[in-house]
Amino acid sequence: MATPVEANIVEANTVENLVEATKRQMSAITGLSPDTISRFDRAEEGWMLHIDMLEHRSVPRTQDLLASFEVALDDAGQVTRWRRTGRFVRGQQG
């Protein structure tokens, strides 16, 4: 039988829970609103995600300024490391 800590880790490791936890944590850390998750991978020690955060809302929305972040999570879904990897305008052709 799993210990309470192990049960929390297993529950936190659903994709939906990890994504939502990452959005909440990065919003609290940066003060920015989460936009999209563009990458989600299992890492050696936890998870690696790329999240785009809204830095500046514009009219029209295609001119919103977004920041991309690389975020490392531990197995419990807690942010252990993050870094901004770039900025872009939402309507920018990639």
Protein backbone atom coordinates (compact mmCIF):
# COMPACT_ATOMS: atom_id res chain seq x y z
CA MET A 1 0.00 0.00 0.00
CA ALA A 2 1.30 3.46 -0.93
CA THR A 3 2.23 5.92 1.80
CA PRO A 4 0.35 9.26 1.84
CA VAL A 5 3.37 10.98 0.25
CA GLU A 6 3.61 8.34 -2.50
CA ALA A 7 -0.14 8.60 -3.12
CA ASN A 8 0.14 12.40 -3.50
CA ILE A 9 3.00 11.99 -5.97
CA VAL A 10 1.03 9.49 -8.06
CA GLU A 11 -2.06 11.75 -8.01
CA ALA A 12 0.02 14.81 -8.93
CA ASN A 13 1.55 12.97 -11.88
CA THR A 14 -1.50 13.03 -14.10
CA VAL A 15 -0.80 15.30 -17.06
CA GLU A 16 -3.75 17.55 -16.24
CA ASN A 17 -2.67 17.98 -12.61
CA LEU A 18 0.95 18.69 -13.55
CA VAL A 19 -0.06 21.26 -16.17
CA GLU A 20 -2.46 23.05 -13.81
CA ALA A 21 0.08 22.99 -10.96
CA THR A 22 2.73 24.44 -13.28
CA LYS A 23 0.40 27.22 -14.41
CA ARG A 24 -0.47 28.13 -10.79
CA GLN A 25 3.13 28.04 -9.61
CA MET A 26 4.55 30.02 -12.53
CA SER A 27 1.81 32.62 -12.19
CA ALA A 28 2.70 33.03 -8.51
CA ILE A 29 6.44 33.18 -9.27
CA THR A 30 6.32 35.59 -12.21
CA GLY A 31 3.09 37.53 -11.66
CA LEU A 32 2.14 36.72 -15.28
CA SER A 33 -0.93 34.93 -16.62
CA PRO A 34 -0.36 31.46 -18.10
CA ASP A 35 -1.24 31.03 -21.76
CA THR A 36 -0.22 27.65 -23.21
CA ILE A 37 1.96 24.63 -22.53
CA SER A 38 4.01 23.96 -25.66
CA ARG A 39 6.10 21.05 -24.41
CA PHE A 40 5.73 18.34 -21.77
CA ASP A 41 8.37 15.65 -21.25
CA ARG A 42 9.50 13.19 -18.62
CA ALA A 43 12.97 14.18 -17.38
CA GLU A 44 15.60 12.23 -15.43
CA GLU A 45 14.36 13.70 -12.17
CA GLY A 46 10.75 14.70 -12.72
CA TRP A 47 9.23 16.60 -15.62
CA MET A 48 10.20 19.33 -18.11
CA LEU A 49 7.64 21.76 -19.50
CA HIS A 50 7.69 24.80 -21.74
CA ILE A 51 5.01 27.34 -20.85
CA ASP A 52 4.08 30.60 -22.54
CA MET A 53 3.02 33.40 -20.18
CA LEU A 54 1.22 36.62 -21.14
CA GLU A 55 3.51 39.60 -20.48
CA HIS A 56 1.41 42.32 -22.14
CA ARG A 57 -2.16 42.16 -23.43
CA SER A 58 -2.82 44.13 -26.62
CA VAL A 59 -5.65 44.93 -28.98
CA PRO A 60 -5.83 43.05 -31.24
CA ARG A 61 -4.83 39.87 -29.39
CA THR A 62 -2.45 38.98 -32.21
CA GLN A 63 -0.18 41.70 -30.80
CA ASP A 64 -0.04 40.23 -27.24
CA LEU A 65 3.53 39.89 -25.92
CA LEU A 66 4.25 36.39 -24.60
CA ALA A 67 7.25 35.04 -22.72
CA SER A 68 8.38 31.42 -23.04
CA PHE A 69 9.71 29.61 -19.98
CA GLU A 70 11.41 26.25 -19.54
CA VAL A 71 10.25 24.74 -16.24
CA ALA A 72 11.60 21.72 -14.37
CA LEU A 73 9.30 19.91 -11.93
CA ASP A 74 10.18 17.28 -9.36
CA ASP A 75 8.20 14.03 -9.14
CA ALA A 76 5.71 15.72 -6.79
CA GLY A 77 4.96 18.42 -9.37
CA GLN A 78 6.81 21.26 -7.62
CA VAL A 79 8.82 23.77 -9.66
CA THR A 80 12.52 23.19 -8.99
CA ARG A 81 13.99 25.36 -11.75
CA TRP A 82 12.76 27.79 -14.37
CA ARG A 83 14.19 30.20 -16.91
CA ARG A 84 12.79 32.52 -19.53
CA THR A 85 13.87 31.30 -22.95
CA GLY A 86 12.40 34.06 -25.11
CA ARG A 87 9.67 36.54 -25.95
CA PHE A 88 7.41 36.76 -28.96
CA VAL A 89 4.31 38.47 -30.29
CA ARG A 90 1.34 36.10 -30.46
CA GLY A 91 0.71 36.71 -34.17
CA GLN A 92 4.38 36.37 -35.11
CA GLN A 93 5.03 33.81 -37.83
CA GLY A 94 7.38 31.08 -36.55
